[in-house]
């Protein structure tokens, strides 16, 4: 039976999975005989078993990433990396896409070019994931924690193996935030004098990426070093404050004000002409924007009022600075 199951094509197995899932949904949601008819003990048992099954599906995510890397699927879709491809095809966040790639790289047992079986880098955690005992969030917290511990200059192989085992075991019982605290306690135990250079880890994990959406908008995500983050906040926070005037109330959300502040900085940079040239031509924005309307909001009293300093473009205030 096991041999025949192993020879089932992935597409056929997926069709069987979808059919079984349809039956499960119909059974669980039945208003008479579904979950609502079970007692508390039975509901709790179902909840835990279903969550375990959900966690095991991460193994399929890792297999997808491994197969994509091996066959160059990202190149086929003209994407620069598997993580970017996952974001584009599956509408994943950058964090989720990178977490899947990171997990696949360390939890999948590979086969060498000579056919030799190669174990996973993190075998204990891989076994916990395969058994459904660790959620994707717990898994990623453990992997990122182990990456920090790997930066310890004097970390021995025995300590690395022990940390791997302890974190994998606690992934079964601790939520992600508690796992992060456990990483800190392990690090303090191994390196009480703080020899770990946090700057090395921050430099290694810095990133900024964007994805061009079909409508031309940009989806931005990343992780800045503390220095870059402080510079960004120093520039944008003053421009992100509410810009209420006596005639116009600034109704933009904080997120919208930050967006407009960044656009204002980019406009000023382009106008200054200090950006590197492209092909001998000065950098410029390809966007064509309508000129701001000088009209102020109508005065409720109907009297002629002094024109407000705020114009309007694309439905949002363009404040003079």
Protein backbone atom coordinates (compact mmCIF):
# COMPACT_ATOMS: atom_id res chain seq x y z
CA UNK A 1 0.00 0.00 0.00
CA UNK A 2 2.77 2.41 0.90
CA UNK A 3 4.59 1.69 -2.33
CA UNK A 4 1.52 2.34 -4.44
CA UNK A 5 0.79 5.57 -2.55
CA UNK A 6 4.32 6.79 -3.24
CA UNK A 7 3.81 6.41 -7.00
CA UNK A 8 0.69 8.62 -7.16
CA UNK A 9 1.25 11.68 -9.31
CA UNK A 10 1.16 14.99 -7.36
CA UNK A 11 -1.78 16.27 -9.41
CA UNK A 12 -3.77 13.10 -8.70
CA UNK A 13 -2.94 13.23 -5.01
CA UNK A 14 -3.96 16.91 -4.89
CA UNK A 15 -7.31 16.08 -6.50
CA UNK A 16 -7.88 13.41 -3.86
CA UNK A 17 -6.92 15.89 -1.14
CA UNK A 18 -9.39 18.47 -2.44
CA UNK A 19 -12.16 15.88 -2.57
CA UNK A 20 -11.42 14.80 1.00
CA UNK A 21 -11.33 18.45 2.08
CA UNK A 22 -14.74 19.02 0.51
CA UNK A 23 -16.13 16.12 2.53
CA UNK A 24 -14.53 17.43 5.70
CA UNK A 25 -15.98 20.91 5.17
CA UNK A 26 -19.43 19.49 4.52
CA UNK A 27 -19.21 17.31 7.62
CA UNK A 28 -17.83 20.00 9.93
CA UNK A 29 -20.34 22.66 8.87
CA UNK A 30 -23.46 20.48 8.90
CA UNK A 31 -25.94 22.31 11.18
CA UNK A 32 -27.24 19.05 12.66
CA UNK A 33 -24.40 16.53 12.72
CA UNK A 34 -21.36 18.79 12.35
CA UNK A 35 -18.99 20.21 14.94
CA UNK A 36 -21.84 21.96 16.69
CA UNK A 37 -23.24 18.57 17.70
CA UNK A 38 -20.03 17.45 19.47
CA UNK A 39 -19.40 17.83 23.17
CA UNK A 40 -16.54 20.00 24.42
CA UNK A 41 -14.07 17.14 24.69
CA UNK A 42 -14.75 15.99 21.14
CA UNK A 43 -14.52 19.55 19.80
CA UNK A 44 -11.19 20.04 21.53
CA UNK A 45 -9.86 16.78 20.11
CA UNK A 46 -10.98 17.76 16.60
CA UNK A 47 -9.42 21.22 16.97
CA UNK A 48 -6.04 19.79 17.90
CA UNK A 49 -6.04 17.10 15.22
CA UNK A 50 -7.07 19.54 12.51
CA UNK A 51 -4.39 22.03 13.56
CA UNK A 52 -1.83 19.25 13.45
CA UNK A 53 -2.91 18.44 9.89
CA UNK A 54 -2.72 22.10 8.93
CA UNK A 55 0.82 22.31 10.29
CA UNK A 56 1.89 19.24 8.31
CA UNK A 57 0.94 21.03 5.09
CA UNK A 58 4.07 23.14 5.54
CA UNK A 59 5.99 20.10 4.26
CA UNK A 60 4.24 20.61 0.90
CA UNK A 61 5.22 24.28 0.93
CA UNK A 62 8.82 23.27 1.43
CA UNK A 63 8.60 20.68 -1.37
CA UNK A 64 7.20 23.36 -3.70
CA UNK A 65 10.10 25.67 -2.91
CA UNK A 66 12.67 22.89 -3.35
CA UNK A 67 11.21 21.83 -6.69
CA UNK A 68 11.01 25.44 -7.87
CA UNK A 69 14.66 26.04 -7.01
CA UNK A 70 15.76 22.81 -8.70
CA UNK A 71 13.84 23.42 -11.93
CA UNK A 72 14.29 27.17 -12.23
CA UNK A 73 10.59 27.96 -11.98
CA UNK A 74 11.29 31.57 -11.01
CA UNK A 75 13.31 32.05 -14.22
CA UNK A 76 10.41 30.57 -16.20
CA UNK A 77 8.16 33.29 -14.79
CA UNK A 78 10.86 35.95 -15.30
CA UNK A 79 11.22 36.47 -11.56
CA UNK A 80 14.56 37.14 -9.89
CA UNK A 81 14.03 34.68 -7.02
CA UNK A 82 11.69 32.02 -5.70
CA UNK A 83 10.54 34.32 -2.89
CA UNK A 84 9.54 37.04 -5.36
CA UNK A 85 7.76 34.44 -7.49
CA UNK A 86 5.76 33.21 -4.49
CA UNK A 87 4.72 36.77 -3.68
CA UNK A 88 3.59 37.39 -7.24
CA UNK A 89 1.82 34.10 -7.97
CA UNK A 90 0.28 33.46 -4.55
CA UNK A 91 -0.19 37.03 -3.26
CA UNK A 92 1.97 36.27 -0.22
CA UNK A 93 3.61 38.92 1.90
CA UNK A 94 7.35 39.23 1.59
CA UNK A 95 7.75 37.91 5.14
CA UNK A 96 5.69 34.78 4.43
CA UNK A 97 7.44 34.09 1.12
CA UNK A 98 10.93 34.41 2.63
CA UNK A 99 9.89 32.29 5.62
CA UNK A 100 8.88 29.45 3.28
CA UNK A 101 12.16 29.65 1.37
CA UNK A 102 14.17 29.81 4.59
CA UNK A 103 12.36 26.76 5.98
CA UNK A 104 12.79 24.76 2.78
CA UNK A 105 16.52 25.46 2.70
CA UNK A 106 17.05 24.10 6.20
CA UNK A 107 14.36 21.47 6.72
CA UNK A 108 14.29 19.51 3.46
CA UNK A 109 16.51 16.43 3.13
CA UNK A 110 18.19 16.56 -0.27
CA UNK A 111 19.90 14.05 -2.52
CA UNK A 112 23.38 14.77 -3.87
CA UNK A 113 24.33 14.56 -7.54
CA UNK A 114 25.76 11.10 -6.85
CA UNK A 115 22.51 9.88 -5.28
CA UNK A 116 23.73 10.16 -1.71
CA UNK A 117 21.03 10.97 0.85
CA UNK A 118 21.75 14.28 2.55
CA UNK A 119 20.02 15.00 5.84
CA UNK A 120 18.27 18.24 6.64
CA UNK A 121 20.31 21.00 8.26
CA UNK A 122 17.86 21.07 11.18
CA UNK A 123 16.70 17.45 11.49
CA UNK A 124 14.97 17.79 14.87
CA UNK A 125 12.90 20.75 13.76
CA UNK A 126 12.20 19.06 10.43
CA UNK A 127 10.75 16.07 12.28
CA UNK A 128 8.57 18.36 14.42
CA UNK A 129 7.20 20.08 11.31
CA UNK A 130 6.59 16.78 9.52
CA UNK A 131 4.66 15.54 12.56
CA UNK A 132 2.53 18.68 12.67
CA UNK A 133 3.86 19.73 16.07
CA UNK A 134 5.13 23.19 15.02
CA UNK A 135 3.26 25.95 13.23
CA UNK A 136 4.92 27.90 10.38
CA UNK A 137 5.22 30.90 12.71
CA UNK A 138 6.95 28.81 15.39
CA UNK A 139 9.20 27.23 12.77
CA UNK A 140 10.32 30.59 11.41
CA UNK A 141 10.94 31.94 14.90
CA UNK A 142 13.18 28.95 15.67
CA UNK A 143 15.08 29.25 12.37
CA UNK A 144 15.69 32.97 12.82
CA UNK A 145 16.75 32.35 16.41
CA UNK A 146 19.20 29.65 15.37
CA UNK A 147 20.61 31.99 12.72
CA UNK A 148 21.35 34.50 15.48
CA UNK A 149 23.03 31.83 17.61
CA UNK A 150 25.14 30.75 14.64
CA UNK A 151 26.75 34.21 14.77
CA UNK A 152 28.38 33.41 18.10
CA UNK A 153 32.10 33.35 17.51
CA UNK A 154 32.83 30.60 20.06
CA UNK A 155 29.74 28.44 19.49
CA UNK A 156 30.74 24.78 19.49
CA UNK A 157 29.10 22.09 17.38
CA UNK A 158 27.74 20.47 20.55
CA UNK A 159 26.16 23.75 21.65
CA UNK A 160 24.69 24.28 18.20
CA UNK A 161 23.19 20.80 18.21
CA UNK A 162 21.78 21.28 21.72
CA UNK A 163 20.25 24.64 20.83
CA UNK A 164 18.70 23.09 17.72
CA UNK A 165 17.16 20.27 19.79
CA UNK A 166 15.94 22.49 22.67
CA UNK A 167 14.27 25.03 20.39
CA UNK A 168 12.69 22.33 18.22
CA UNK A 169 11.28 20.57 21.28
CA UNK A 170 9.92 23.79 22.76
CA UNK A 171 8.32 24.72 19.43
CA UNK A 172 5.74 22.07 20.35
CA UNK A 173 4.62 23.95 23.47
CA UNK A 174 5.62 27.63 23.25
CA UNK A 175 4.09 30.38 21.08
CA UNK A 176 6.42 32.31 18.73
CA UNK A 177 7.05 35.22 21.09
CA UNK A 178 8.05 32.91 23.93
CA UNK A 179 10.36 31.05 21.56
CA UNK A 180 12.08 34.34 20.82
CA UNK A 181 12.64 34.87 24.54
CA UNK A 182 13.99 31.35 24.84
CA UNK A 183 16.52 32.16 22.11
CA UNK A 184 17.68 35.14 24.18
CA UNK A 185 18.05 32.97 27.28
CA UNK A 186 20.06 30.35 25.36
CA UNK A 187 22.28 33.06 23.92
CA UNK A 188 22.86 34.59 27.37
CA UNK A 189 23.76 31.14 28.72
CA UNK A 190 26.23 30.41 25.91
CA UNK A 191 27.59 33.94 25.67
CA UNK A 192 27.09 35.71 29.03
CA UNK A 193 29.56 38.45 28.08
CA UNK A 194 27.65 39.39 24.93
CA UNK A 195 30.30 38.52 22.36
CA UNK A 196 27.64 38.16 19.69
CA UNK A 197 27.89 41.06 17.28
CA UNK A 198 24.28 42.05 16.65
CA UNK A 199 25.41 44.36 13.87
CA UNK A 200 26.57 41.39 11.81
CA UNK A 201 23.11 39.82 12.05
CA UNK A 202 21.38 43.10 11.21
CA UNK A 203 23.62 43.60 8.20
CA UNK A 204 23.02 40.06 7.00
CA UNK A 205 19.24 40.37 7.24
CA UNK A 206 18.80 43.89 5.84
CA UNK A 207 16.66 44.05 2.72
CA UNK A 208 14.33 46.29 0.77
CA UNK A 209 12.19 44.97 -2.05
CA UNK A 210 9.24 46.05 -4.08
CA UNK A 211 6.83 44.41 -6.45
CA UNK A 212 5.22 46.26 -9.34
CA UNK A 213 1.50 45.52 -9.33
CA UNK A 214 -0.57 45.29 -12.47
CA UNK A 215 -2.09 48.70 -11.91
CA UNK A 216 1.38 50.28 -11.70
CA UNK A 217 1.39 50.70 -7.94
CA UNK A 218 4.30 49.44 -5.87
CA UNK A 219 4.11 46.99 -2.96
CA UNK A 220 7.09 47.69 -0.69
CA UNK A 221 8.45 45.51 2.10
CA UNK A 222 11.77 45.16 3.85
CA UNK A 223 13.89 45.30 6.98
CA UNK A 224 16.15 48.29 7.63
CA UNK A 225 19.16 48.44 9.89
CA UNK A 226 18.73 50.66 12.97
CA UNK A 227 20.87 53.35 11.33
CA UNK A 228 18.85 53.36 8.11
CA UNK A 229 15.61 53.25 10.09
CA UNK A 230 16.60 56.27 12.17
CA UNK A 231 17.45 58.22 9.02
CA UNK A 232 14.13 57.28 7.43
CA UNK A 233 12.17 58.35 10.50
CA UNK A 234 14.16 61.58 10.82
CA UNK A 235 13.23 62.51 7.26
CA UNK A 236 9.63 61.29 7.08
CA UNK A 237 8.19 61.89 10.55
CA UNK A 238 8.24 65.71 10.32
CA UNK A 239 6.51 65.50 6.95
CA UNK A 240 3.98 62.94 8.21
CA UNK A 241 2.36 65.16 10.80
CA UNK A 242 -1.23 66.29 10.48
CA UNK A 243 -1.47 69.35 8.24
CA UNK A 244 -4.78 70.81 9.31
CA UNK A 245 -5.51 74.38 8.23
CA UNK A 246 -8.36 76.70 9.24
CA UNK A 247 -10.13 75.80 6.00
CA UNK A 248 -9.15 72.19 5.37
CA UNK A 249 -9.04 69.23 7.78
CA UNK A 250 -6.35 66.67 7.08
CA UNK A 251 -8.33 63.43 7.01
CA UNK A 252 -5.49 61.18 5.82
CA UNK A 253 -4.53 58.16 7.91
CA UNK A 254 -1.03 57.90 9.37
CA UNK A 255 -0.11 55.36 6.70
CA UNK A 256 -1.31 57.71 3.95
CA UNK A 257 0.62 60.64 5.45
CA UNK A 258 3.80 58.55 5.50
CA UNK A 259 3.23 57.60 1.86
CA UNK A 260 2.76 61.25 0.89
CA UNK A 261 5.82 62.27 2.90
CA UNK A 262 7.97 59.73 1.04
CA UNK A 263 6.60 60.95 -2.29
CA UNK A 264 7.40 64.53 -1.30
CA UNK A 265 11.00 63.57 -0.49
CA UNK A 266 11.34 61.77 -3.82
CA UNK A 267 9.91 64.77 -5.70
CA UNK A 268 12.41 67.08 -4.02
CA UNK A 269 15.30 64.73 -4.78
CA UNK A 270 14.35 64.54 -8.45
CA UNK A 271 13.97 68.31 -8.70
CA UNK A 272 17.37 68.81 -7.05
CA UNK A 273 19.03 66.92 -9.90
CA UNK A 274 21.44 65.10 -7.60
CA UNK A 275 20.41 61.55 -8.55
CA UNK A 276 22.76 59.42 -10.72
CA UNK A 277 22.12 59.66 -14.44
CA UNK A 278 20.72 56.72 -16.39
CA UNK A 279 22.28 56.16 -19.80
CA UNK A 280 23.61 59.72 -19.75
CA UNK A 281 20.17 61.16 -19.07
CA UNK A 282 19.16 62.69 -15.75
CA UNK A 283 16.81 60.61 -13.65
CA UNK A 284 13.19 61.74 -13.71
CA UNK A 285 9.76 60.46 -12.79
CA UNK A 286 7.80 58.92 -15.69
CA UNK A 287 4.50 59.69 -14.01
CA UNK A 288 2.40 62.49 -15.43
CA UNK A 289 0.59 64.30 -12.67
CA UNK A 290 -2.22 66.79 -12.93
CA UNK A 291 -1.47 70.27 -11.68
CA UNK A 292 -2.89 71.03 -8.24
CA UNK A 293 -6.19 72.80 -8.26
CA UNK A 294 -5.99 76.17 -6.55
CA UNK A 295 -9.58 75.97 -5.42
CA UNK A 296 -10.18 75.80 -1.69
CA UNK A 297 -13.10 73.90 -0.19
CA UNK A 298 -16.33 75.88 -0.40
CA UNK A 299 -17.02 78.25 2.47
CA UNK A 300 -20.18 77.11 4.32
CA UNK A 301 -21.20 80.73 4.78
CA UNK A 302 -21.07 81.39 1.07
CA UNK A 303 -18.81 84.41 1.56
CA UNK A 304 -15.57 84.84 -0.30
CA UNK A 305 -12.81 83.57 1.95
CA UNK A 306 -9.06 83.72 1.74
CA UNK A 307 -7.68 80.92 -0.43
CA UNK A 308 -6.28 78.06 1.62
CA UNK A 309 -2.62 77.11 1.35
CA UNK A 310 -3.66 73.54 0.59
CA UNK A 311 -4.45 72.49 -2.96
CA UNK A 312 -5.81 69.12 -4.01
CA UNK A 313 -4.32 66.51 -6.34
CA UNK A 314 -5.60 62.98 -6.93
CA UNK A 315 -8.09 63.38 -4.12
CA UNK A 316 -5.58 64.25 -1.39
CA UNK A 317 -4.24 67.53 -0.02
CA UNK A 318 -0.94 68.81 -1.40
CA UNK A 319 0.41 70.95 1.41
CA UNK A 320 2.86 73.74 0.81
CA UNK A 321 6.03 73.32 2.84
